[in-house]
Structures are given as C-alpha cells and as structure tokens.
Amino acid sequence: MPIPLTDGRLQLRVLVDRTTVEIFGDRGQAYGMFVRSNPGGNAPLELRTWKPIWGGVRVEKLSVHSLRSAWTA
C-alpha cells in the first residue's frame, strides 16, 4: 500500500484486532486492511518499505495501547 510522504514524513495509525490489521496512512488519505494469517496468535508485526531507503528510517514517536474487549462477559 504505497503512501506518499508529506514533507518527508509519514504518519501511520495501525489497529490490530484478533482477525485483522487496519492501517491508516497520512491521516486517512490511504487505508489498507489485511486479514491475519494466525488470528488470535502471537505473530509479530513488521513495517517494511517498498524500496530501499538509504540512510534508514527513524521512528519519532510510537504509542501502543491495549484495548479491552467490546463484548461483555
């Protein structure tokens, strides 16, 4: 899912559920949804580039939040 850079920066919002991963790029200008191959498993997530980026990539901010289930017991 190619997302153009804005001023050399990229903002991503990634939502991970038991069965899907949703990615919003550039504040909703791009969107992708992927079905997880191992629902509910403990598979790692990776962020990759389509083309080599000389000099690397720097993550300026990363926030991770755990959500409780929407289903009541």
Protein backbone atom coordinates (compact mmCIF):
# COMPACT_ATOMS: atom_id res chain seq x y z
CA MET A 1 0.00 0.00 0.00
CA PRO A 2 2.17 2.94 -1.19
CA ILE A 3 1.62 6.14 0.79
CA PRO A 4 3.20 9.41 -0.37
CA LEU A 5 5.33 11.30 2.13
CA THR A 6 4.31 14.75 3.34
CA ASP A 7 7.38 16.92 3.99
CA GLY A 8 9.45 13.72 4.16
CA ARG A 9 7.29 12.30 6.94
CA LEU A 10 4.74 9.55 7.21
CA GLN A 11 2.08 9.22 9.87
CA LEU A 12 0.59 5.76 10.38
CA ARG A 13 -2.20 4.56 12.63
CA VAL A 14 -2.27 0.78 12.95
CA LEU A 15 -5.19 -1.05 14.56
CA VAL A 16 -4.62 -4.71 15.34
CA ASP A 17 -7.57 -6.96 16.10
CA ARG A 18 -7.73 -10.73 16.52
CA THR A 19 -8.51 -11.31 12.84
CA THR A 20 -7.45 -8.13 11.02
CA VAL A 21 -4.85 -5.38 10.82
CA GLU A 22 -6.02 -1.94 9.62
CA ILE A 23 -3.56 0.72 8.54
CA PHE A 24 -4.45 4.39 8.07
CA GLY A 25 -1.78 6.49 6.38
CA ASP A 26 -1.39 10.24 6.24
CA ARG A 27 -4.41 10.89 8.48
CA GLY A 28 -6.78 8.71 6.48
CA GLN A 29 -5.62 9.60 2.95
CA ALA A 30 -4.66 5.94 2.47
CA TYR A 31 -6.21 2.84 4.01
CA GLY A 32 -5.43 -0.85 3.96
CA MET A 33 -6.99 -3.83 5.72
CA PHE A 34 -5.31 -7.19 5.95
CA VAL A 35 -6.60 -10.48 7.32
CA ARG A 36 -4.24 -12.04 9.84
CA SER A 37 -3.00 -15.48 8.90
CA ASN A 38 -2.87 -16.56 12.55
CA PRO A 39 -5.95 -14.99 14.22
CA GLY A 40 -5.51 -14.57 17.94
CA GLY A 41 -1.93 -15.83 17.73
CA ASN A 42 1.18 -14.08 18.86
CA ALA A 43 2.65 -13.34 15.42
CA PRO A 44 4.94 -10.28 15.16
CA LEU A 45 4.08 -7.25 13.01
CA GLU A 46 6.66 -5.72 10.68
CA LEU A 47 6.88 -2.37 8.94
CA ARG A 48 8.69 -2.56 5.60
CA THR A 49 9.41 -0.15 2.79
CA TRP A 50 8.63 -0.84 -0.88
CA LYS A 51 12.02 0.48 -1.95
CA PRO A 52 15.36 0.69 -0.15
CA ILE A 53 15.72 3.89 1.85
CA TRP A 54 19.34 4.95 2.01
CA GLY A 55 20.16 6.32 5.41
CA GLY A 56 17.40 4.34 7.13
CA VAL A 57 14.16 5.33 8.75
CA ARG A 58 13.71 6.99 12.12
CA VAL A 59 10.62 6.40 14.25
CA GLU A 60 9.96 9.68 16.06
CA LYS A 61 7.01 8.52 18.13
CA LEU A 62 5.45 5.15 18.85
CA SER A 63 2.46 4.66 21.14
CA VAL A 64 0.94 1.29 21.96
CA HIS A 65 -2.40 0.95 23.71
CA SER A 66 -4.17 -2.20 24.82
CA LEU A 67 -7.94 -2.18 24.49
CA ARG A 68 -10.37 -4.27 26.47
CA SER A 69 -12.93 -6.39 24.71
CA ALA A 70 -16.08 -4.69 23.43
CA TRP A 71 -18.01 -7.86 24.28
CA THR A 72 -19.37 -8.09 27.80
CA ALA A 73 -18.94 -11.33 29.70
